[in-house]
Amino acid sequence: MNDFEYHNPTKILFGSNHYTKLHDLISNVATNEKILLTYGGGSIFKNGVHKKVIDQLAGFNVIEFGGIEPNPQFSTLMQAVEICRSENISFVLAVGGGSVIDGTKFIVGAVAYEGDPWEVLERKPGKTFEETLPFGAVLTLPATGSEANSGAVISRSELKTKRTMGGPNLFPQFSLCDPSVVASLPKRQIANGLVDAFVHTLEQYLTYPSGNLLQERQAEAILSTLIEIGPKVIQDPANYELASNLMWCATHALNGNLRCGVPTDWATHMIGHELTALHNIDHARTLAIIGPRLFEALFEQKKEKLEQYGRRVWGLTGDSESVSKQAIQKTEEFYHSLEIPTKISEYVDSERNEPTIIREIFESRGWFKLGERQSVTPELVEKIVAAAL
């Protein structure tokens, strides 16, 4: 087991009866009555979440900022940053899914930043969000785990890029996680959420044995639960028990617990981000496209964990080689059972030059060694993407 430090300061309020606590939770950290309410395309008006939240914000001067995109755009978020500065906002409440919460992390970090905040996402030396506004979240879409971590992914369409950011001061103060909202979600979003949580777990599990038996079992529990409930929750999203398990799995998949003491991968994510930046393919669907092909490309390196995954999660039997290969096949079949295609050509009609484009992007950024063994080179990325066409 590797050495690690673990700290997660986010308070989780799980269930449908916590809205009345919002006022006090915000009052405890806001320094004035001005708060910014951030959200996405407006679904919170249709499912009643907006009213539930606003009803609890009496006494605050609430400024609303909607329109944060599914892949939050830098230019949109900068508009919110300017509002925070000009209106002297002291607290931000994100009401939405992972994109809204991710975008809000950028907003609260960029407010006090001097200079161009994009420098932080470009990972320029010494550039970080040191001073941040406090913020909380009301989760409306189980998927990314952003409600319980300090990371975010921000897009910039004019540059055709999608970059990651994070920091210890970017955890939500609290997150209200209400599983009843799943009932109002489109099937596509629920399927995306399932895959997102599934791959977040795989990225921290399907590497190589590290002797951390507890984390491996916890990862396997999340994967097994998602497999069990996946098609069921898509067909019956109003089933509170199914929705609750989906939401709690998604939170646990990326709240920092699974990574304690283990090697992690994340190459699937970094490649997938480029497919979103190039073609606006849903984030989760890019993971389903790239993941199986990456496992095949790194088969020998990941074989021990593929076999363990196949036996423990999928109940496969046989020799090591066949179980490891079947584990990849079962993973792809699971995505298909959620009606999620796993080929680039099933999403876009392009000139099929994505492999070269993405390799060149990785080279230009100096991303020469990714993955748990630092063996994912730009050349290998090109092969993985070519196999996913």
Protein backbone atom coordinates (compact mmCIF):
# COMPACT_ATOMS: atom_id res chain seq x y z
CA MET A 1 0.00 0.00 0.00
CA ASN A 2 1.38 3.42 -0.98
CA ASP A 3 1.67 6.31 1.47
CA PHE A 4 -1.20 8.79 1.29
CA GLU A 5 -2.90 11.76 2.89
CA TYR A 6 -6.66 11.99 2.93
CA HIS A 7 -8.83 14.98 3.77
CA ASN A 8 -12.35 15.65 2.57
CA PRO A 9 -14.04 18.60 4.30
CA THR A 10 -17.31 18.50 2.33
CA LYS A 11 -20.42 17.90 4.42
CA ILE A 12 -22.83 15.56 2.63
CA LEU A 13 -26.58 15.88 3.24
CA PHE A 14 -28.01 12.81 1.55
CA GLY A 15 -31.76 12.45 1.01
CA SER A 16 -34.79 14.49 0.02
CA ASN A 17 -35.49 16.25 3.32
CA HIS A 18 -32.48 18.51 3.81
CA TYR A 19 -33.49 21.65 1.91
CA THR A 20 -34.55 23.43 5.10
CA LYS A 21 -30.93 23.36 6.26
CA LEU A 22 -29.65 25.43 3.35
CA HIS A 23 -30.17 28.82 4.98
CA ASP A 24 -28.16 28.01 8.08
CA LEU A 25 -25.44 26.23 6.13
CA ILE A 26 -24.88 29.32 3.99
CA SER A 27 -25.21 31.77 6.87
CA ASN A 28 -22.39 29.99 8.67
CA VAL A 29 -19.84 30.90 5.97
CA ALA A 30 -21.22 33.85 3.95
CA THR A 31 -19.79 37.21 5.05
CA ASN A 32 -22.69 39.25 3.66
CA GLU A 33 -26.17 38.66 2.29
CA LYS A 34 -25.11 38.55 -1.36
CA ILE A 35 -24.97 35.10 -2.91
CA LEU A 36 -24.77 33.86 -6.48
CA LEU A 37 -26.96 30.96 -7.57
CA THR A 38 -25.46 29.06 -10.52
CA TYR A 39 -27.26 26.50 -12.67
CA GLY A 40 -27.38 25.06 -16.18
CA GLY A 41 -30.07 24.91 -18.82
CA GLY A 42 -33.11 25.38 -16.63
CA SER A 43 -34.17 21.84 -15.74
CA ILE A 44 -34.21 22.89 -12.08
CA PHE A 45 -37.32 24.96 -12.85
CA LYS A 46 -39.13 21.95 -14.32
CA ASN A 47 -38.29 19.47 -11.55
CA GLY A 48 -39.07 21.89 -8.73
CA VAL A 49 -35.56 22.09 -7.30
CA HIS A 50 -35.25 25.81 -8.03
CA LYS A 51 -38.33 26.59 -5.93
CA LYS A 52 -37.19 24.33 -3.10
CA VAL A 53 -33.87 26.16 -3.00
CA ILE A 54 -35.21 29.70 -3.39
CA ASP A 55 -37.78 29.11 -0.64
CA GLN A 56 -34.91 28.58 1.78
CA LEU A 57 -32.93 31.65 0.77
CA ALA A 58 -35.16 34.31 2.30
CA GLY A 59 -33.02 37.06 3.76
CA PHE A 60 -30.27 36.68 1.18
CA ASN A 61 -29.80 38.91 -1.84
CA VAL A 62 -29.77 36.19 -4.51
CA ILE A 63 -28.35 36.89 -7.95
CA GLU A 64 -29.01 34.07 -10.41
CA PHE A 65 -26.63 32.98 -13.14
CA GLY A 66 -27.91 30.27 -15.50
CA GLY A 67 -26.72 28.82 -18.76
CA ILE A 68 -23.62 26.93 -17.64
CA GLU A 69 -23.06 24.37 -20.38
CA PRO A 70 -22.74 20.56 -20.08
CA ASN A 71 -19.04 21.13 -20.74
CA PRO A 72 -18.67 24.45 -18.88
CA GLN A 73 -17.17 27.09 -21.10
CA PHE A 74 -14.46 29.47 -19.95
CA SER A 75 -16.15 32.47 -21.58
CA THR A 76 -19.48 31.75 -19.86
CA LEU A 77 -17.86 31.27 -16.47
CA MET A 78 -15.91 34.50 -16.78
CA GLN A 79 -19.22 36.35 -16.99
CA ALA A 80 -20.11 34.92 -13.59
CA VAL A 81 -16.68 35.87 -12.27
CA GLU A 82 -17.32 39.49 -13.22
CA ILE A 83 -20.69 39.41 -11.45
CA CYS A 84 -19.04 38.11 -8.30
CA ARG A 85 -16.49 40.90 -8.43
CA SER A 86 -18.89 43.74 -9.21
CA GLU A 87 -21.59 42.62 -6.78
CA ASN A 88 -19.27 41.68 -3.92
CA ILE A 89 -20.66 38.13 -3.78
CA SER A 90 -19.67 36.29 -0.59
CA PHE A 91 -21.03 32.79 -1.33
CA VAL A 92 -21.91 30.76 -4.43
CA LEU A 93 -24.50 27.99 -4.49
CA ALA A 94 -24.25 25.58 -7.42
CA VAL A 95 -27.52 23.84 -8.28
CA GLY A 96 -27.00 21.21 -10.95
CA GLY A 97 -24.86 18.32 -12.06
CA GLY A 98 -21.12 17.95 -12.35
CA SER A 99 -20.71 20.60 -15.03
CA VAL A 100 -22.41 23.28 -12.97
CA ILE A 101 -20.40 22.32 -9.89
CA ASP A 102 -17.17 22.16 -11.90
CA GLY A 103 -17.91 25.56 -13.39
CA THR A 104 -18.62 26.97 -9.96
CA LYS A 105 -15.24 25.77 -8.70
CA PHE A 106 -13.63 27.78 -11.46
CA ILE A 107 -15.78 30.82 -10.66
CA VAL A 108 -14.95 30.88 -6.95
CA GLY A 109 -11.26 30.40 -7.71
CA ALA A 110 -11.00 33.00 -10.47
CA VAL A 111 -12.73 35.85 -8.57
CA ALA A 112 -9.64 36.91 -6.63
CA TYR A 113 -7.10 35.81 -9.22
CA GLU A 114 -4.97 38.56 -10.70
CA GLY A 115 -4.29 38.02 -14.38
CA ASP A 116 -5.78 35.56 -16.85
CA PRO A 117 -7.32 32.61 -14.94
CA TRP A 118 -6.72 30.35 -17.92
CA GLU A 119 -3.06 30.29 -16.83
CA VAL A 120 -4.12 28.08 -13.94
CA LEU A 121 -5.72 25.52 -16.25
CA GLU A 122 -2.63 25.56 -18.46
CA ARG A 123 -0.67 24.57 -15.34
CA LYS A 124 1.79 27.41 -15.72
CA PRO A 125 4.42 27.30 -12.95
CA GLY A 126 3.29 29.00 -9.77
CA LYS A 127 -0.21 29.73 -11.07
CA THR A 128 -2.92 28.53 -8.67
CA PHE A 129 -6.21 29.72 -7.23
CA GLU A 130 -5.02 30.62 -3.74
CA GLU A 131 -7.97 32.69 -2.53
CA THR A 132 -11.45 31.29 -3.16
CA LEU A 133 -15.02 32.15 -2.31
CA PRO A 134 -16.88 29.57 -0.24
CA PHE A 135 -19.49 27.59 -2.15
CA GLY A 136 -21.94 24.76 -1.72
CA ALA A 137 -23.85 22.47 -4.05
CA VAL A 138 -27.30 21.02 -4.58
CA LEU A 139 -26.74 17.96 -6.77
CA THR A 140 -29.30 17.25 -9.48
CA LEU A 141 -27.46 14.64 -11.57
CA PRO A 142 -25.42 11.74 -10.16
CA ALA A 143 -22.34 11.21 -12.30
CA THR A 144 -19.07 13.00 -11.76
CA GLY A 145 -18.63 13.07 -7.99
CA SER A 146 -17.82 16.78 -8.23
CA GLU A 147 -20.11 17.36 -5.26
CA ALA A 148 -17.52 15.71 -2.99
CA ASN A 149 -14.12 16.56 -4.47
CA SER A 150 -11.96 19.54 -5.38
CA GLY A 151 -11.42 18.85 -9.06
CA ALA A 152 -13.02 20.31 -12.18
CA VAL A 153 -12.80 20.19 -15.98
CA ILE A 154 -13.28 23.38 -17.99
CA SER A 155 -13.67 23.73 -21.77
CA ARG A 156 -12.65 26.49 -24.13
CA SER A 157 -14.32 25.95 -27.46
CA GLU A 158 -12.41 28.61 -29.40
CA LEU A 159 -9.21 26.72 -28.57
CA LYS A 160 -10.87 23.29 -28.97
CA THR A 161 -9.50 22.26 -25.61
CA LYS A 162 -10.69 20.87 -22.29
CA ARG A 163 -8.46 21.21 -19.23
CA THR A 164 -8.46 20.00 -15.65
CA MET A 165 -7.96 22.00 -12.46
CA GLY A 166 -8.26 21.55 -8.72
CA GLY A 167 -6.86 22.34 -5.32
CA PRO A 168 -7.44 21.75 -1.60
CA ASN A 169 -9.46 24.96 -1.27
CA LEU A 170 -11.97 23.97 -3.97
CA PHE A 171 -14.06 21.47 -2.02
CA PRO A 172 -17.73 22.45 -1.59
CA GLN A 173 -18.54 23.49 1.96
CA PHE A 174 -21.52 21.16 1.71
CA SER A 175 -23.45 19.20 -0.87
CA LEU A 176 -27.14 18.34 -0.71
CA CYS A 177 -27.67 15.09 -2.61
CA ASP A 178 -31.34 14.40 -3.29
CA PRO A 179 -31.91 11.08 -5.13
CA SER A 180 -35.53 11.98 -5.93
CA VAL A 181 -34.29 14.28 -8.73
CA VAL A 182 -33.21 11.24 -10.74
CA ALA A 183 -36.90 10.63 -11.58
CA SER A 184 -36.92 13.75 -13.77
CA LEU A 185 -33.73 12.99 -15.72
CA PRO A 186 -33.65 11.87 -19.36
CA LYS A 187 -32.47 8.29 -19.90
CA ARG A 188 -29.39 9.56 -21.74
CA GLN A 189 -28.22 11.52 -18.72
CA ILE A 190 -28.78 8.60 -16.36
CA ALA A 191 -26.83 6.29 -18.67
CA ASN A 192 -24.02 8.84 -18.86
CA GLY A 193 -23.96 9.08 -15.08
CA LEU A 194 -23.65 5.33 -14.73
CA VAL A 195 -20.71 5.18 -17.12
CA ASP A 196 -19.04 8.19 -15.56
CA ALA A 197 -19.10 6.62 -12.10
CA PHE A 198 -18.06 3.25 -13.52
CA VAL A 199 -14.99 4.61 -15.30
CA HIS A 200 -14.00 6.86 -12.40
CA THR A 201 -13.83 3.68 -10.36
CA LEU A 202 -11.92 1.72 -13.01
CA GLU A 203 -9.32 4.49 -13.34
CA GLN A 204 -8.42 3.99 -9.67
CA TYR A 205 -8.73 0.21 -9.67
CA LEU A 206 -7.75 -1.33 -12.98
CA THR A 207 -4.01 -0.64 -12.75
CA TYR A 208 -1.75 -3.17 -10.98
CA PRO A 209 -1.89 -4.87 -7.55
CA SER A 210 -0.74 -2.59 -4.73
CA GLY A 211 -1.63 -4.57 -1.63
CA ASN A 212 -4.46 -2.20 -0.67
CA LEU A 213 -7.08 -4.89 -0.18
CA LEU A 214 -9.73 -2.61 1.31
CA GLN A 215 -9.68 -0.07 -1.53
CA GLU A 216 -9.85 -2.84 -4.11
CA ARG A 217 -12.91 -4.37 -2.44
CA GLN A 218 -14.55 -0.97 -2.16
CA ALA A 219 -13.96 -0.33 -5.86
CA GLU A 220 -15.37 -3.75 -6.71
CA ALA A 221 -18.44 -3.01 -4.58
CA ILE A 222 -19.14 0.17 -6.56
CA LEU A 223 -18.63 -1.58 -9.90
CA SER A 224 -20.84 -4.52 -8.92
CA THR A 225 -23.59 -2.21 -7.66
CA LEU A 226 -23.59 -0.15 -10.85
CA ILE A 227 -23.78 -3.30 -12.96
CA GLU A 228 -26.69 -4.56 -10.86
CA ILE A 229 -28.75 -1.38 -10.94
CA GLY A 230 -27.72 0.12 -14.30
CA PRO A 231 -30.45 -0.95 -16.73
CA LYS A 232 -33.00 -1.01 -13.89
CA VAL A 233 -32.57 2.64 -12.89
CA ILE A 234 -32.72 3.75 -16.53
CA GLN A 235 -36.07 1.99 -16.92
CA ASP A 236 -37.40 3.04 -13.51
CA PRO A 237 -35.73 6.30 -12.47
CA ALA A 238 -38.52 7.07 -9.99
CA ASN A 239 -37.46 4.08 -7.90
CA TYR A 240 -35.91 5.87 -4.93
CA GLU A 241 -33.85 2.88 -3.82
CA LEU A 242 -32.24 2.49 -7.23
CA ALA A 243 -31.70 6.23 -7.57
CA SER A 244 -30.16 6.43 -4.10
CA ASN A 245 -27.68 3.69 -4.86
CA LEU A 246 -26.70 5.32 -8.15
CA MET A 247 -26.15 8.70 -6.52
CA TRP A 248 -24.14 7.31 -3.61
CA CYS A 249 -22.00 5.18 -5.94
CA ALA A 250 -21.23 8.21 -8.10
CA THR A 251 -20.22 10.22 -5.04
CA HIS A 252 -17.98 7.47 -3.67
CA ALA A 253 -16.39 6.85 -7.06
CA LEU A 254 -14.60 10.19 -6.92
CA ASN A 255 -14.66 11.57 -3.37
CA GLY A 256 -10.96 10.72 -2.98
CA ASN A 257 -11.42 7.55 -0.98
CA LEU A 258 -10.69 5.01 -3.74
CA ARG A 259 -7.35 6.58 -4.60
CA CYS A 260 -5.92 6.22 -1.08
CA GLY A 261 -2.76 4.15 -1.23
CA VAL A 262 -3.22 2.87 -4.79
CA PRO A 263 -1.80 3.71 -8.24
CA THR A 264 -4.22 5.50 -10.55
CA ASP A 265 -4.47 5.75 -14.33
CA TRP A 266 -6.61 8.64 -15.79
CA ALA A 267 -5.25 8.22 -19.34
CA THR A 268 -8.74 7.26 -20.55
CA HIS A 269 -10.02 10.58 -19.23
CA MET A 270 -7.26 12.66 -20.78
CA ILE A 271 -7.81 11.08 -24.21
CA GLY A 272 -11.58 11.29 -23.86
CA HIS A 273 -11.43 14.99 -23.05
CA GLU A 274 -9.99 15.62 -26.49
CA LEU A 275 -12.90 13.86 -28.20
CA THR A 276 -15.25 16.14 -26.33
CA ALA A 277 -13.20 19.20 -27.26
CA LEU A 278 -13.09 18.17 -30.94
CA HIS A 279 -16.62 16.84 -31.43
CA ASN A 280 -18.60 17.74 -28.29
CA ILE A 281 -19.27 14.07 -27.55
CA ASP A 282 -20.70 13.60 -24.05
CA HIS A 283 -17.87 13.15 -21.56
CA ALA A 284 -19.07 9.77 -20.27
CA ARG A 285 -19.45 8.47 -23.81
CA THR A 286 -15.85 9.37 -24.67
CA LEU A 287 -14.80 7.22 -21.70
CA ALA A 288 -16.83 4.31 -23.04
CA ILE A 289 -15.18 4.77 -26.42
CA ILE A 290 -11.60 4.92 -25.18
CA GLY A 291 -11.57 2.68 -22.10
CA PRO A 292 -11.88 -0.77 -23.72
CA ARG A 293 -9.35 0.10 -26.41
CA LEU A 294 -6.88 1.36 -23.80
CA PHE A 295 -7.27 -1.87 -21.83
CA GLU A 296 -6.49 -3.84 -24.99
CA ALA A 297 -3.44 -1.69 -25.77
CA LEU A 298 -2.13 -2.13 -22.21
CA PHE A 299 -3.32 -5.70 -21.82
CA GLU A 300 -0.08 -7.20 -20.52
CA GLN A 301 0.47 -4.35 -18.05
CA LYS A 302 -3.07 -4.54 -16.69
CA LYS A 303 -3.53 -8.29 -16.99
CA GLU A 304 -3.35 -9.08 -13.26
CA LYS A 305 -6.04 -6.58 -12.38
CA LEU A 306 -8.13 -7.41 -15.43
CA GLU A 307 -8.21 -11.01 -14.26
CA GLN A 308 -9.12 -9.99 -10.71
CA TYR A 309 -11.83 -7.67 -12.05
CA GLY A 310 -13.18 -10.40 -14.30
CA ARG A 311 -13.39 -12.99 -11.55
CA ARG A 312 -14.62 -10.82 -8.69
CA VAL A 313 -16.93 -8.38 -10.48
CA TRP A 314 -18.13 -10.39 -13.47
CA GLY A 315 -17.91 -13.88 -11.95
CA LEU A 316 -15.83 -15.20 -14.85
CA THR A 317 -14.01 -18.53 -14.73
CA GLY A 318 -11.24 -20.06 -16.78
CA ASP A 319 -7.57 -19.40 -17.38
CA SER A 320 -5.97 -16.01 -16.77
CA GLU A 321 -5.76 -15.02 -20.43
CA SER A 322 -9.40 -15.75 -21.26
CA VAL A 323 -10.78 -14.18 -18.08
CA SER A 324 -8.76 -10.99 -18.66
CA LYS A 325 -9.95 -10.68 -22.24
CA GLN A 326 -13.55 -11.48 -21.33
CA ALA A 327 -13.43 -8.77 -18.65
CA ILE A 328 -12.83 -6.16 -21.34
CA GLN A 329 -15.62 -7.64 -23.45
CA LYS A 330 -18.03 -7.64 -20.50
CA THR A 331 -17.23 -3.99 -19.78
CA GLU A 332 -18.05 -2.99 -23.34
CA GLU A 333 -21.22 -5.09 -23.26
CA PHE A 334 -22.28 -3.26 -20.11
CA TYR A 335 -21.97 0.06 -21.92
CA HIS A 336 -23.99 -1.32 -24.81
CA SER A 337 -26.68 -2.49 -22.37
CA LEU A 338 -27.05 1.17 -21.41
CA GLU A 339 -27.40 2.03 -25.12
CA ILE A 340 -24.03 3.74 -25.22
CA PRO A 341 -22.03 3.13 -28.44
CA THR A 342 -18.30 2.57 -28.12
CA LYS A 343 -16.95 3.70 -31.49
CA ILE A 344 -16.12 7.26 -32.60
CA SER A 345 -17.78 6.61 -35.96
CA GLU A 346 -21.10 6.04 -34.18
CA TYR A 347 -21.07 9.66 -33.02
CA VAL A 348 -19.44 11.73 -35.77
CA ASP A 349 -18.86 11.55 -39.50
CA SER A 350 -15.34 12.90 -39.67
CA GLU A 351 -12.28 12.54 -41.83
CA ARG A 352 -10.99 10.07 -39.24
CA ASN A 353 -7.85 12.10 -38.51
CA GLU A 354 -8.53 12.17 -34.78
CA PRO A 355 -5.62 9.83 -33.96
CA THR A 356 -3.06 12.19 -35.45
CA ILE A 357 -4.72 15.32 -34.08
CA ILE A 358 -4.85 13.98 -30.53
CA ARG A 359 -1.28 12.66 -30.68
CA GLU A 360 -0.09 16.11 -31.75
CA ILE A 361 -2.08 17.75 -28.95
CA PHE A 362 -0.43 15.49 -26.38
CA GLU A 363 3.00 16.23 -27.84
CA SER A 364 2.40 19.99 -27.81
CA ARG A 365 1.51 19.86 -24.11
CA GLY A 366 4.45 17.69 -23.19
CA TRP A 367 2.20 14.78 -22.15
CA PHE A 368 4.71 12.03 -22.92
CA LYS A 369 4.15 9.74 -19.92
CA LEU A 370 0.62 9.04 -18.69
CA GLY A 371 -1.01 6.11 -16.93
CA GLU A 372 -0.12 4.24 -13.76
CA ARG A 373 3.21 3.08 -15.21
CA GLN A 374 3.86 6.29 -17.19
CA SER A 375 3.80 4.14 -20.32
CA VAL A 376 1.06 5.92 -22.27
CA THR A 377 2.98 7.93 -24.87
CA PRO A 378 1.54 10.13 -27.62
CA GLU A 379 2.32 7.35 -30.07
CA LEU A 380 0.31 4.86 -28.02
CA VAL A 381 -2.51 7.39 -27.69
CA GLU A 382 -2.62 7.59 -31.48
CA LYS A 383 -2.97 3.79 -31.70
CA ILE A 384 -5.69 3.71 -29.04
CA VAL A 385 -7.74 6.37 -30.79
CA ALA A 386 -7.26 4.66 -34.16
CA ALA A 387 -8.57 1.42 -32.69
CA ALA A 388 -11.62 3.32 -31.39
CA LEU A 389 -12.62 4.72 -34.78
